[in-house]
Amino acid sequence: MFKQLLRDESGAIISAELVLVLTILVIGVIVGLNEVAVAVNTELNDVSNAIGAVDQSFFFSGLKGIDAGGVGKIKSATSGSRFLDLHDDCDKNTSCDLVCGPPIVDTCG
């Protein structure tokens, strides 16, 4: 029975092929997931650029109500307002540095 076990090679080829196929499959999955991660990061960067490019400036003019009796007396008035939205530091990835400097060594002790 031991000699028959030593001569039996029917499962060795299938196991070797299975290991080879699974190794190639795992390597392919790792490369594919890496490319998916790069694509997701690129799209999120595009979304952040689009949000940064939104102009939120607004204004409204003042209103004035004048008496219709011909006297020219002002019945009511409100002044206008204006807000101008300027670009922030990290809008559209212009001069945005998120890297910190070197660590500060504590010498107190």
PDB file of N, CA and C in Angstrom:
ATOM      1  N   MET A   1       0.820  -1.174   0.000  1.00  0.00           N
ATOM      2  CA  MET A   1       0.000   0.000   0.000  1.00  0.00           C
ATOM      3  C   MET A   1       0.884   1.265   0.000  1.00  0.00           C
ATOM      4  N   PHE A   2       2.011   1.228   0.696  1.00  0.00           N
ATOM      5  CA  PHE A   2       2.929   2.369   0.729  1.00  0.00           C
ATOM      6  C   PHE A   2       3.554   2.602  -0.644  1.00  0.00           C
ATOM      7  N   LYS A   3       3.917   1.482  -1.360  1.00  0.00           N
ATOM      8  CA  LYS A   3       4.469   1.614  -2.713  1.00  0.00           C
ATOM      9  C   LYS A   3       3.430   2.197  -3.666  1.00  0.00           C
ATOM     10  N   GLN A   4       2.202   1.809  -3.510  1.00  0.00           N
ATOM     11  CA  GLN A   4       1.148   2.345  -4.362  1.00  0.00           C
ATOM     12  C   GLN A   4       0.943   3.856  -4.095  1.00  0.00           C
ATOM     13  N   LEU A   5       1.079   4.270  -2.830  1.00  0.00           N
ATOM     14  CA  LEU A   5       0.964   5.681  -2.470  1.00  0.00           C
ATOM     15  C   LEU A   5       2.104   6.499  -3.087  1.00  0.00           C
ATOM     16  N   LEU A   6       3.328   5.934  -3.102  1.00  0.00           N
ATOM     17  CA  LEU A   6       4.462   6.653  -3.681  1.00  0.00           C
ATOM     18  C   LEU A   6       4.329   6.793  -5.189  1.00  0.00           C
ATOM     19  N   ARG A   7       3.739   5.807  -5.856  1.00  0.00           N
ATOM     20  CA  ARG A   7       3.591   5.849  -7.312  1.00  0.00           C
ATOM     21  C   ARG A   7       2.388   6.695  -7.762  1.00  0.00           C
ATOM     22  N   ASP A   8       1.486   6.981  -6.863  1.00  0.00           N
ATOM     23  CA  ASP A   8       0.262   7.704  -7.217  1.00  0.00           C
ATOM     24  C   ASP A   8       0.567   9.197  -7.371  1.00  0.00           C
ATOM     25  N   GLU A   9       0.448   9.728  -8.606  1.00  0.00           N
ATOM     26  CA  GLU A   9       0.701  11.133  -8.886  1.00  0.00           C
ATOM     27  C   GLU A   9      -0.497  11.791  -9.568  1.00  0.00           C
ATOM     28  N   SER A  10      -1.650  11.277  -9.401  1.00  0.00           N
ATOM     29  CA  SER A  10      -2.807  11.781 -10.136  1.00  0.00           C
ATOM     30  C   SER A  10      -3.258  13.166  -9.674  1.00  0.00           C
ATOM     31  N   GLY A  11      -3.021  13.529  -8.420  1.00  0.00           N
ATOM     32  CA  GLY A  11      -3.480  14.834  -7.932  1.00  0.00           C
ATOM     33  C   GLY A  11      -2.418  15.900  -7.938  1.00  0.00           C
ATOM     34  N   ALA A  12      -1.179  15.559  -8.201  1.00  0.00           N
ATOM     35  CA  ALA A  12      -0.097  16.535  -8.100  1.00  0.00           C
ATOM     36  C   ALA A  12      -0.181  17.590  -9.200  1.00  0.00           C
ATOM     37  N   ILE A  13      -0.529  17.222 -10.390  1.00  0.00           N
ATOM     38  CA  ILE A  13      -0.591  18.173 -11.503  1.00  0.00           C
ATOM     39  C   ILE A  13      -1.746  19.137 -11.297  1.00  0.00           C
ATOM     40  N   ILE A  14      -2.874  18.638 -10.858  1.00  0.00           N
ATOM     41  CA  ILE A  14      -4.028  19.506 -10.629  1.00  0.00           C
ATOM     42  C   ILE A  14      -3.712  20.517  -9.522  1.00  0.00           C
ATOM     43  N   SER A  15      -3.054  20.111  -8.479  1.00  0.00           N
ATOM     44  CA  SER A  15      -2.712  21.029  -7.392  1.00  0.00           C
ATOM     45  C   SER A  15      -1.730  22.089  -7.863  1.00  0.00           C
ATOM     46  N   ALA A  16      -0.726  21.706  -8.639  1.00  0.00           N
ATOM     47  CA  ALA A  16       0.244  22.673  -9.135  1.00  0.00           C
ATOM     48  C   ALA A  16      -0.429  23.675 -10.079  1.00  0.00           C
ATOM     49  N   GLU A  17      -1.309  23.205 -10.928  1.00  0.00           N
ATOM     50  CA  GLU A  17      -2.016  24.111 -11.827  1.00  0.00           C
ATOM     51  C   GLU A  17      -2.930  25.056 -11.046  1.00  0.00           C
ATOM     52  N   LEU A  18      -3.558  24.535 -10.029  1.00  0.00           N
ATOM     53  CA  LEU A  18      -4.448  25.353  -9.222  1.00  0.00           C
ATOM     54  C   LEU A  18      -3.666  26.449  -8.484  1.00  0.00           C
ATOM     55  N   VAL A  19      -2.506  26.100  -7.950  1.00  0.00           N
ATOM     56  CA  VAL A  19      -1.678  27.093  -7.266  1.00  0.00           C
ATOM     57  C   VAL A  19      -1.222  28.164  -8.249  1.00  0.00           C
ATOM     58  N   LEU A  20      -0.818  27.777  -9.445  1.00  0.00           N
ATOM     59  CA  LEU A  20      -0.367  28.730 -10.455  1.00  0.00           C
ATOM     60  C   LEU A  20      -1.504  29.668 -10.871  1.00  0.00           C
ATOM     61  N   VAL A  21      -2.669  29.099 -11.129  1.00  0.00           N
ATOM     62  CA  VAL A  21      -3.809  29.918 -11.552  1.00  0.00           C
ATOM     63  C   VAL A  21      -4.229  30.868 -10.438  1.00  0.00           C
ATOM     64  N   LEU A  22      -4.275  30.385  -9.213  1.00  0.00           N
ATOM     65  CA  LEU A  22      -4.667  31.247  -8.097  1.00  0.00           C
ATOM     66  C   LEU A  22      -3.632  32.352  -7.849  1.00  0.00           C
ATOM     67  N   THR A  23      -2.360  32.061  -8.027  1.00  0.00           N
ATOM     68  CA  THR A  23      -1.327  33.092  -7.862  1.00  0.00           C
ATOM     69  C   THR A  23      -1.493  34.192  -8.895  1.00  0.00           C
ATOM     70  N   ILE A  24      -1.698  33.816 -10.143  1.00  0.00           N
ATOM     71  CA  ILE A  24      -1.914  34.810 -11.204  1.00  0.00           C
ATOM     72  C   ILE A  24      -3.190  35.601 -10.939  1.00  0.00           C
ATOM     73  N   LEU A  25      -4.222  34.951 -10.456  1.00  0.00           N
ATOM     74  CA  LEU A  25      -5.488  35.616 -10.153  1.00  0.00           C
ATOM     75  C   LEU A  25      -5.322  36.645  -9.027  1.00  0.00           C
ATOM     76  N   VAL A  26      -4.612  36.281  -7.985  1.00  0.00           N
ATOM     77  CA  VAL A  26      -4.402  37.196  -6.864  1.00  0.00           C
ATOM     78  C   VAL A  26      -3.569  38.397  -7.295  1.00  0.00           C
ATOM     79  N   ILE A  27      -2.537  38.164  -8.082  1.00  0.00           N
ATOM     80  CA  ILE A  27      -1.719  39.279  -8.574  1.00  0.00           C
ATOM     81  C   ILE A  27      -2.567  40.208  -9.446  1.00  0.00           C
ATOM     82  N   GLY A  28      -3.405  39.649 -10.285  1.00  0.00           N
ATOM     83  CA  GLY A  28      -4.293  40.463 -11.123  1.00  0.00           C
ATOM     84  C   GLY A  28      -5.288  41.264 -10.313  1.00  0.00           C
ATOM     85  N   VAL A  29      -5.821  40.670  -9.257  1.00  0.00           N
ATOM     86  CA  VAL A  29      -6.780  41.383  -8.403  1.00  0.00           C
ATOM     87  C   VAL A  29      -6.094  42.544  -7.681  1.00  0.00           C
ATOM     88  N   ILE A  30      -4.870  42.326  -7.215  1.00  0.00           N
ATOM     89  CA  ILE A  30      -4.140  43.390  -6.517  1.00  0.00           C
ATOM     90  C   ILE A  30      -3.869  44.561  -7.463  1.00  0.00           C
ATOM     91  N   VAL A  31      -3.436  44.262  -8.668  1.00  0.00           N
ATOM     92  CA  VAL A  31      -3.178  45.324  -9.649  1.00  0.00           C
ATOM     93  C   VAL A  31      -4.478  46.040 -10.008  1.00  0.00           C
ATOM     94  N   GLY A  32      -5.556  45.282 -10.183  1.00  0.00           N
ATOM     95  CA  GLY A  32      -6.849  45.888 -10.512  1.00  0.00           C
ATOM     96  C   GLY A  32      -7.362  46.793  -9.410  1.00  0.00           C
ATOM     97  N   LEU A  33      -7.244  46.364  -8.160  1.00  0.00           N
ATOM     98  CA  LEU A  33      -7.691  47.195  -7.042  1.00  0.00           C
ATOM     99  C   LEU A  33      -6.844  48.452  -6.907  1.00  0.00           C
ATOM    100  N   ASN A  34      -5.564  48.344  -7.226  1.00  0.00           N
ATOM    101  CA  ASN A  34      -4.713  49.523  -7.204  1.00  0.00           C
ATOM    102  C   ASN A  34      -5.179  50.540  -8.240  1.00  0.00           C
ATOM    103  N   GLU A  35      -5.511  50.082  -9.418  1.00  0.00           N
ATOM    104  CA  GLU A  35      -5.996  50.988 -10.459  1.00  0.00           C
ATOM    105  C   GLU A  35      -7.344  51.586 -10.083  1.00  0.00           C
ATOM    106  N   VAL A  36      -8.202  50.826  -9.435  1.00  0.00           N
ATOM    107  CA  VAL A  36      -9.485  51.363  -8.969  1.00  0.00           C
ATOM    108  C   VAL A  36      -9.250  52.463  -7.937  1.00  0.00           C
ATOM    109  N   ALA A  37      -8.301  52.248  -7.033  1.00  0.00           N
ATOM    110  CA  ALA A  37      -8.002  53.256  -6.011  1.00  0.00           C
ATOM    111  C   ALA A  37      -7.491  54.545  -6.652  1.00  0.00           C
ATOM    112  N   VAL A  38      -6.636  54.427  -7.662  1.00  0.00           N
ATOM    113  CA  VAL A  38      -6.124  55.616  -8.354  1.00  0.00           C
ATOM    114  C   VAL A  38      -7.264  56.344  -9.064  1.00  0.00           C
ATOM    115  N   ALA A  39      -8.159  55.594  -9.704  1.00  0.00           N
ATOM    116  CA  ALA A  39      -9.286  56.210 -10.410  1.00  0.00           C
ATOM    117  C   ALA A  39     -10.229  56.918  -9.445  1.00  0.00           C
ATOM    118  N   VAL A  40     -10.502  56.316  -8.295  1.00  0.00           N
ATOM    119  CA  VAL A  40     -11.383  56.941  -7.303  1.00  0.00           C
ATOM    120  C   VAL A  40     -10.751  58.218  -6.761  1.00  0.00           C
ATOM    121  N   ASN A  41      -9.453  58.180  -6.467  1.00  0.00           N
ATOM    122  CA  ASN A  41      -8.773  59.382  -5.978  1.00  0.00           C
ATOM    123  C   ASN A  41      -8.786  60.500  -7.021  1.00  0.00           C
ATOM    124  N   THR A  42      -8.616  60.152  -8.281  1.00  0.00           N
ATOM    125  CA  THR A  42      -8.648  61.149  -9.348  1.00  0.00           C
ATOM    126  C   THR A  42     -10.027  61.793  -9.448  1.00  0.00           C
ATOM    127  N   GLU A  43     -11.081  60.975  -9.378  1.00  0.00           N
ATOM    128  CA  GLU A  43     -12.438  61.517  -9.461  1.00  0.00           C
ATOM    129  C   GLU A  43     -12.773  62.371  -8.250  1.00  0.00           C
ATOM    130  N   LEU A  44     -12.329  61.970  -7.067  1.00  0.00           N
ATOM    131  CA  LEU A  44     -12.574  62.785  -5.875  1.00  0.00           C
ATOM    132  C   LEU A  44     -11.820  64.113  -5.959  1.00  0.00           C
ATOM    133  N   ASN A  45     -10.645  64.097  -6.568  1.00  0.00           N
ATOM    134  CA  ASN A  45      -9.909  65.341  -6.787  1.00  0.00           C
ATOM    135  C   ASN A  45     -10.674  66.247  -7.744  1.00  0.00           C
ATOM    136  N   ASP A  46     -11.274  65.674  -8.786  1.00  0.00           N
ATOM    137  CA  ASP A  46     -12.084  66.465  -9.710  1.00  0.00           C
ATOM    138  C   ASP A  46     -13.296  67.068  -9.005  1.00  0.00           C
ATOM    139  N   VAL A  47     -13.930  66.296  -8.122  1.00  0.00           N
ATOM    140  CA  VAL A  47     -15.085  66.806  -7.377  1.00  0.00           C
ATOM    141  C   VAL A  47     -14.662  67.959  -6.468  1.00  0.00           C
ATOM    142  N   SER A  48     -13.511  67.806  -5.799  1.00  0.00           N
ATOM    143  CA  SER A  48     -13.056  68.885  -4.921  1.00  0.00           C
ATOM    144  C   SER A  48     -12.701  70.138  -5.721  1.00  0.00           C
ATOM    145  N   ASN A  49     -12.143  69.974  -6.907  1.00  0.00           N
ATOM    146  CA  ASN A  49     -11.866  71.137  -7.760  1.00  0.00           C
ATOM    147  C   ASN A  49     -13.152  71.818  -8.197  1.00  0.00           C
ATOM    148  N   ALA A  50     -14.188  71.031  -8.504  1.00  0.00           N
ATOM    149  CA  ALA A  50     -15.468  71.616  -8.910  1.00  0.00           C
ATOM    150  C   ALA A  50     -16.115  72.378  -7.754  1.00  0.00           C
ATOM    151  N   ILE A  51     -16.032  71.838  -6.549  1.00  0.00           N
ATOM    152  CA  ILE A  51     -16.596  72.526  -5.385  1.00  0.00           C
ATOM    153  C   ILE A  51     -15.816  73.804  -5.110  1.00  0.00           C
ATOM    154  N   GLY A  52     -14.496  73.745  -5.239  1.00  0.00           N
ATOM    155  CA  GLY A  52     -13.679  74.927  -5.013  1.00  0.00           C
ATOM    156  C   GLY A  52     -13.906  76.015  -6.048  1.00  0.00           C
ATOM    157  N   ALA A  53     -14.353  75.644  -7.241  1.00  0.00           N
ATOM    158  CA  ALA A  53     -14.557  76.622  -8.302  1.00  0.00           C
ATOM    159  C   ALA A  53     -15.931  77.287  -8.239  1.00  0.00           C
ATOM    160  N   VAL A  54     -16.808  76.831  -7.352  1.00  0.00           N
ATOM    161  CA  VAL A  54     -18.143  77.429  -7.243  1.00  0.00           C
ATOM    162  C   VAL A  54     -18.000  78.847  -6.688  1.00  0.00           C
ATOM    163  N   ASP A  55     -18.587  79.794  -7.388  1.00  0.00           N
ATOM    164  CA  ASP A  55     -18.530  81.196  -6.971  1.00  0.00           C
ATOM    165  C   ASP A  55     -19.775  81.501  -6.147  1.00  0.00           C
ATOM    166  N   GLN A  56     -19.583  81.871  -4.890  1.00  0.00           N
ATOM    167  CA  GLN A  56     -20.705  82.127  -3.996  1.00  0.00           C
ATOM    168  C   GLN A  56     -20.925  83.616  -3.776  1.00  0.00           C
ATOM    169  N   SER A  57     -20.423  84.434  -4.669  1.00  0.00           N
ATOM    170  CA  SER A  57     -20.632  85.872  -4.547  1.00  0.00           C
ATOM    171  C   SER A  57     -22.106  86.200  -4.784  1.00  0.00           C
ATOM    172  N   PHE A  58     -22.582  87.242  -4.101  1.00  0.00           N
ATOM    173  CA  PHE A  58     -23.954  87.681  -4.302  1.00  0.00           C
ATOM    174  C   PHE A  58     -24.059  89.177  -4.011  1.00  0.00           C
ATOM    175  N   PHE A  59     -25.116  89.785  -4.503  1.00  0.00           N
ATOM    176  CA  PHE A  59     -25.417  91.169  -4.145  1.00  0.00           C
ATOM    177  C   PHE A  59     -26.897  91.407  -4.391  1.00  0.00           C
ATOM    178  N   PHE A  60     -27.410  92.348  -3.677  1.00  0.00           N
ATOM    179  CA  PHE A  60     -28.743  92.846  -3.976  1.00  0.00           C
ATOM    180  C   PHE A  60     -28.747  94.355  -3.784  1.00  0.00           C
ATOM    181  N   SER A  61     -29.512  95.023  -4.645  1.00  0.00           N
ATOM    182  CA  SER A  61     -29.521  96.488  -4.611  1.00  0.00           C
ATOM    183  C   SER A  61     -30.515  96.965  -3.559  1.00  0.00           C
ATOM    184  N   GLY A  62     -30.347  98.211  -3.152  1.00  0.00           N
ATOM    185  CA  GLY A  62     -31.244  98.802  -2.174  1.00  0.00           C
ATOM    186  C   GLY A  62     -32.586  99.172  -2.793  1.00  0.00           C
ATOM    187  N   LEU A  63     -33.589  99.254  -1.962  1.00  0.00           N
ATOM    188  CA  LEU A  63     -34.935  99.615  -2.411  1.00  0.00           C
ATOM    189  C   LEU A  63     -35.377 100.877  -1.682  1.00  0.00           C
ATOM    190  N   LYS A  64     -36.152 101.681  -2.381  1.00  0.00           N
ATOM    191  CA  LYS A  64     -36.632 102.911  -1.776  1.00  0.00           C
ATOM    192  C   LYS A  64     -38.071 103.135  -2.212  1.00  0.00           C
ATOM    193  N   GLY A  65     -38.926 103.400  -1.252  1.00  0.00           N
ATOM    194  CA  GLY A  65     -40.325 103.711  -1.548  1.00  0.00           C
ATOM    195  C   GLY A  65     -40.584 105.196  -1.338  1.00  0.00           C
ATOM    196  N   ILE A  66     -41.077 105.849  -2.385  1.00  0.00           N
ATOM    197  CA  ILE A  66     -41.320 107.296  -2.321  1.00  0.00           C
ATOM    198  C   ILE A  66     -42.827 107.534  -2.310  1.00  0.00           C
ATOM    199  N   ASP A  67     -43.251 108.522  -1.545  1.00  0.00           N
ATOM    200  CA  ASP A  67     -44.667 108.870  -1.437  1.00  0.00           C
ATOM    201  C   ASP A  67     -45.193 109.281  -2.808  1.00  0.00           C
ATOM    202  N   ALA A  68     -46.325 108.737  -3.171  1.00  0.00           N
ATOM    203  CA  ALA A  68     -46.904 109.006  -4.488  1.00  0.00           C
ATOM    204  C   ALA A  68     -47.634 110.342  -4.542  1.00  0.00           C
ATOM    205  N   GLY A  69     -47.703 111.052  -3.446  1.00  0.00           N
ATOM    206  CA  GLY A  69     -48.419 112.329  -3.422  1.00  0.00           C
ATOM    207  C   GLY A  69     -47.663 113.450  -4.106  1.00  0.00           C
ATOM    208  N   GLY A  70     -46.490 113.204  -4.616  1.00  0.00           N
ATOM    209  CA  GLY A  70     -45.741 114.224  -5.331  1.00  0.00           C
ATOM    210  C   GLY A  70     -44.813 115.028  -4.443  1.00  0.00           C
ATOM    211  N   VAL A  71     -44.823 114.773  -3.155  1.00  0.00           N
ATOM    212  CA  VAL A  71     -43.984 115.537  -2.246  1.00  0.00           C
ATOM    213  C   VAL A  71     -42.536 115.050  -2.317  1.00  0.00           C
ATOM    214  N   GLY A  72     -42.341 113.795  -2.674  1.00  0.00           N
ATOM    215  CA  GLY A  72     -40.994 113.226  -2.744  1.00  0.00           C
ATOM    216  C   GLY A  72     -40.517 112.706  -1.402  1.00  0.00           C
ATOM    217  N   LYS A  73     -41.445 112.528  -0.514  1.00  0.00           N
ATOM    218  CA  LYS A  73     -41.099 112.034   0.814  1.00  0.00           C
ATOM    219  C   LYS A  73     -40.818 110.530   0.748  1.00  0.00           C
ATOM    220  N   ILE A  74     -39.727 110.084   1.380  1.00  0.00           N
ATOM    221  CA  ILE A  74     -39.368 108.660   1.378  1.00  0.00           C
ATOM    222  C   ILE A  74     -40.216 107.946   2.419  1.00  0.00           C
ATOM    223  N   LYS A  75     -40.962 106.952   1.962  1.00  0.00           N
ATOM    224  CA  LYS A  75     -41.783 106.165   2.885  1.00  0.00           C
ATOM    225  C   LYS A  75     -40.954 105.090   3.568  1.00  0.00           C
ATOM    226  N   SER A  76     -40.154 104.383   2.805  1.00  0.00           N
ATOM    227  CA  SER A  76     -39.312 103.323   3.369  1.00  0.00           C
ATOM    228  C   SER A  76     -38.102 103.130   2.473  1.00  0.00           C
ATOM    229  N   ALA A  77     -37.025 102.597   3.076  1.00  0.00           N
ATOM    230  CA  ALA A  77     -35.799 102.381   2.299  1.00  0.00           C
ATOM    231  C   ALA A  77     -34.993 101.266   2.953  1.00  0.00           C
ATOM    232  N   THR A  78     -34.284 100.569   2.129  1.00  0.00           N
ATOM    233  CA  THR A  78     -33.344  99.563   2.629  1.00  0.00           C
ATOM    234  C   THR A  78     -32.081  99.645   1.775  1.00  0.00           C
ATOM    235  N   SER A  79     -30.968  99.463   2.409  1.00  0.00           N
ATOM    236  CA  SER A  79     -29.718  99.547   1.654  1.00  0.00           C
ATOM    237  C   SER A  79     -29.379  98.183   1.063  1.00  0.00           C
ATOM    238  N   GLY A  80     -28.547  98.190   0.072  1.00  0.00           N
ATOM    239  CA  GLY A  80     -28.140  96.955  -0.575  1.00  0.00           C
ATOM    240  C   GLY A  80     -26.991  96.289   0.171  1.00  0.00           C
ATOM    241  N   SER A  81     -26.589  95.146  -0.343  1.00  0.00           N
ATOM    242  CA  SER A  81     -25.491  94.418   0.273  1.00  0.00           C
ATOM    243  C   SER A  81     -24.720  93.683  -0.814  1.00  0.00           C
ATOM    244  N   ARG A  82     -23.457  93.360  -0.505  1.00  0.00           N
ATOM    245  CA  ARG A  82     -22.642  92.636  -1.475  1.00  0.00           C
ATOM    246  C   ARG A  82     -21.630  91.781  -0.724  1.00  0.00           C
ATOM    247  N   PHE A  83     -21.425  90.567  -1.232  1.00  0.00           N
ATOM    248  CA  PHE A  83     -20.383  89.672  -0.714  1.00  0.00           C
ATOM    249  C   PHE A  83     -19.593  89.160  -1.897  1.00  0.00           C
ATOM    250  N   LEU A  84     -18.287  89.311  -1.837  1.00  0.00           N
ATOM    251  CA  LEU A  84     -17.421  88.868  -2.924  1.00  0.00           C
ATOM    252  C   LEU A  84     -16.632  87.660  -2.443  1.00  0.00           C
ATOM    253  N   ASP A  85     -16.820  86.535  -3.117  1.00  0.00           N
ATOM    254  CA  ASP A  85     -16.133  85.290  -2.758  1.00  0.00           C
ATOM    255  C   ASP A  85     -14.799  85.217  -3.491  1.00  0.00           C
ATOM    256  N   LEU A  86     -13.714  85.261  -2.743  1.00  0.00           N
ATOM    257  CA  LEU A  86     -12.383  85.142  -3.325  1.00  0.00           C
ATOM    258  C   LEU A  86     -11.896  83.707  -3.192  1.00  0.00           C
ATOM    259  N   HIS A  87     -10.913  83.337  -4.002  1.00  0.00           N
ATOM    260  CA  HIS A  87     -10.379  81.979  -3.938  1.00  0.00           C
ATOM    261  C   HIS A  87      -9.625  81.760  -2.635  1.00  0.00           C
ATOM    262  N   ASP A  88      -9.858  80.609  -2.019  1.00  0.00           N
ATOM    263  CA  ASP A  88      -9.129  80.237  -0.819  1.00  0.00           C
ATOM    264  C   ASP A  88      -7.811  79.580  -1.207  1.00  0.00           C
ATOM    265  N   ASP A  89      -7.019  79.212  -0.207  1.00  0.00           N
ATOM    266  CA  ASP A  89      -5.697  78.635  -0.468  1.00  0.00           C
ATOM    267  C   ASP A  89      -5.769  77.344  -1.267  1.00  0.00           C
ATOM    268  N   CYS A  90      -6.694  76.466  -0.929  1.00  0.00           N
ATOM    269  CA  CYS A  90      -6.717  75.138  -1.550  1.00  0.00           C
ATOM    270  C   CYS A  90      -7.765  75.000  -2.641  1.00  0.00           C
ATOM    271  N   ASP A  91      -8.380  76.083  -3.079  1.00  0.00           N
ATOM    272  CA  ASP A  91      -9.335  75.981  -4.183  1.00  0.00           C
ATOM    273  C   ASP A  91      -8.595  75.666  -5.472  1.00  0.00           C
ATOM    274  N   LYS A  92      -9.083  74.687  -6.177  1.00  0.00           N
ATOM    275  CA  LYS A  92      -8.538  74.268  -7.475  1.00  0.00           C
ATOM    276  C   LYS A  92      -7.065  73.887  -7.393  1.00  0.00           C
ATOM    277  N   ASN A  93      -6.616  73.398  -6.252  1.00  0.00           N
ATOM    278  CA  ASN A  93      -5.256  72.889  -6.040  1.00  0.00           C
ATOM    279  C   ASN A  93      -4.174  73.899  -6.395  1.00  0.00           C
ATOM    280  N   THR A  94      -4.408  75.165  -6.146  1.00  0.00           N
ATOM    281  CA  THR A  94      -3.384  76.166  -6.415  1.00  0.00           C
ATOM    282  C   THR A  94      -2.655  76.480  -5.120  1.00  0.00           C
ATOM    283  N   SER A  95      -1.395  76.283  -5.122  1.00  0.00           N
ATOM    284  CA  SER A  95      -0.494  76.562  -3.998  1.00  0.00           C
ATOM    285  C   SER A  95      -1.012  75.993  -2.684  1.00  0.00           C
ATOM    286  N   CYS A  96      -1.462  74.767  -2.717  1.00  0.00           N
ATOM    287  CA  CYS A  96      -1.971  74.127  -1.508  1.00  0.00           C
ATOM    288  C   CYS A  96      -0.924  73.142  -1.017  1.00  0.00           C
ATOM    289  N   ASP A  97      -0.368  73.403   0.145  1.00  0.00           N
ATOM    290  CA  ASP A  97       0.673  72.549   0.697  1.00  0.00           C
ATOM    291  C   ASP A  97       0.154  71.918   1.977  1.00  0.00           C
ATOM    292  N   LEU A  98      -0.174  70.630   1.923  1.00  0.00           N
ATOM    293  CA  LEU A  98      -0.717  69.942   3.083  1.00  0.00           C
ATOM    294  C   LEU A  98       0.352  69.148   3.826  1.00  0.00           C
ATOM    295  N   VAL A  99       1.594  69.248   3.404  1.00  0.00           N
ATOM    296  CA  VAL A  99       2.665  68.495   4.043  1.00  0.00           C
ATOM    297  C   VAL A  99       3.179  69.304   5.223  1.00  0.00           C
ATOM    298  N   CYS A 100       3.272  68.655   6.361  1.00  0.00           N
ATOM    299  CA  CYS A 100       3.760  69.336   7.564  1.00  0.00           C
ATOM    300  C   CYS A 100       5.279  69.424   7.534  1.00  0.00           C
ATOM    301  N   GLY A 101       5.797  70.330   8.335  1.00  0.00           N
ATOM    302  CA  GLY A 101       7.239  70.469   8.443  1.00  0.00           C
ATOM    303  C   GLY A 101       7.816  69.359   9.317  1.00  0.00           C
ATOM    304  N   PRO A 102       9.107  69.441   9.566  1.00  0.00           N
ATOM    305  CA  PRO A 102       9.736  68.403  10.399  1.00  0.00           C
ATOM    306  C   PRO A 102       9.228  68.497  11.835  1.00  0.00           C
ATOM    307  N   PRO A 103       9.277  67.392  12.580  1.00  0.00           N
ATOM    308  CA  PRO A 103       8.781  67.428  13.959  1.00  0.00           C
ATOM    309  C   PRO A 103       9.667  68.321  14.833  1.00  0.00           C
ATOM    310  N   ILE A 104       9.030  68.912  15.821  1.00  0.00           N
ATOM    311  CA  ILE A 104       9.736  69.793  16.758  1.00  0.00           C
ATOM    312  C   ILE A 104      10.175  68.949  17.941  1.00  0.00           C
ATOM    313  N   VAL A 105      11.463  69.025  18.261  1.00  0.00           N
ATOM    314  CA  VAL A 105      12.015  68.243  19.359  1.00  0.00           C
ATOM    315  C   VAL A 105      11.803  69.005  20.669  1.00  0.00           C
ATOM    316  N   ASP A 106      11.245  68.309  21.651  1.00  0.00           N
ATOM    317  CA  ASP A 106      11.002  68.911  22.949  1.00  0.00           C
ATOM    318  C   ASP A 106      12.286  68.868  23.768  1.00  0.00           C
ATOM    319  N   THR A 107      12.814  70.040  24.087  1.00  0.00           N
ATOM    320  CA  THR A 107      14.068  70.095  24.837  1.00  0.00           C
ATOM    321  C   THR A 107      13.856  70.458  26.317  1.00  0.00           C
ATOM    322  N   CYS A 108      12.610  70.388  26.760  1.00  0.00           N
ATOM    323  CA  CYS A 108      12.301  70.792  28.141  1.00  0.00           C
ATOM    324  C   CYS A 108      12.368  69.596  29.085  1.00  0.00           C
ATOM    325  N   GLY A 109      13.257  68.716  28.902  1.00  0.00           N
ATOM    326  CA  GLY A 109      13.345  67.708  29.696  1.00  0.00           C
ATOM    327  C   GLY A 109      13.422  66.649  30.428  1.00  0.00           C
TER     328      GLY A 109
END
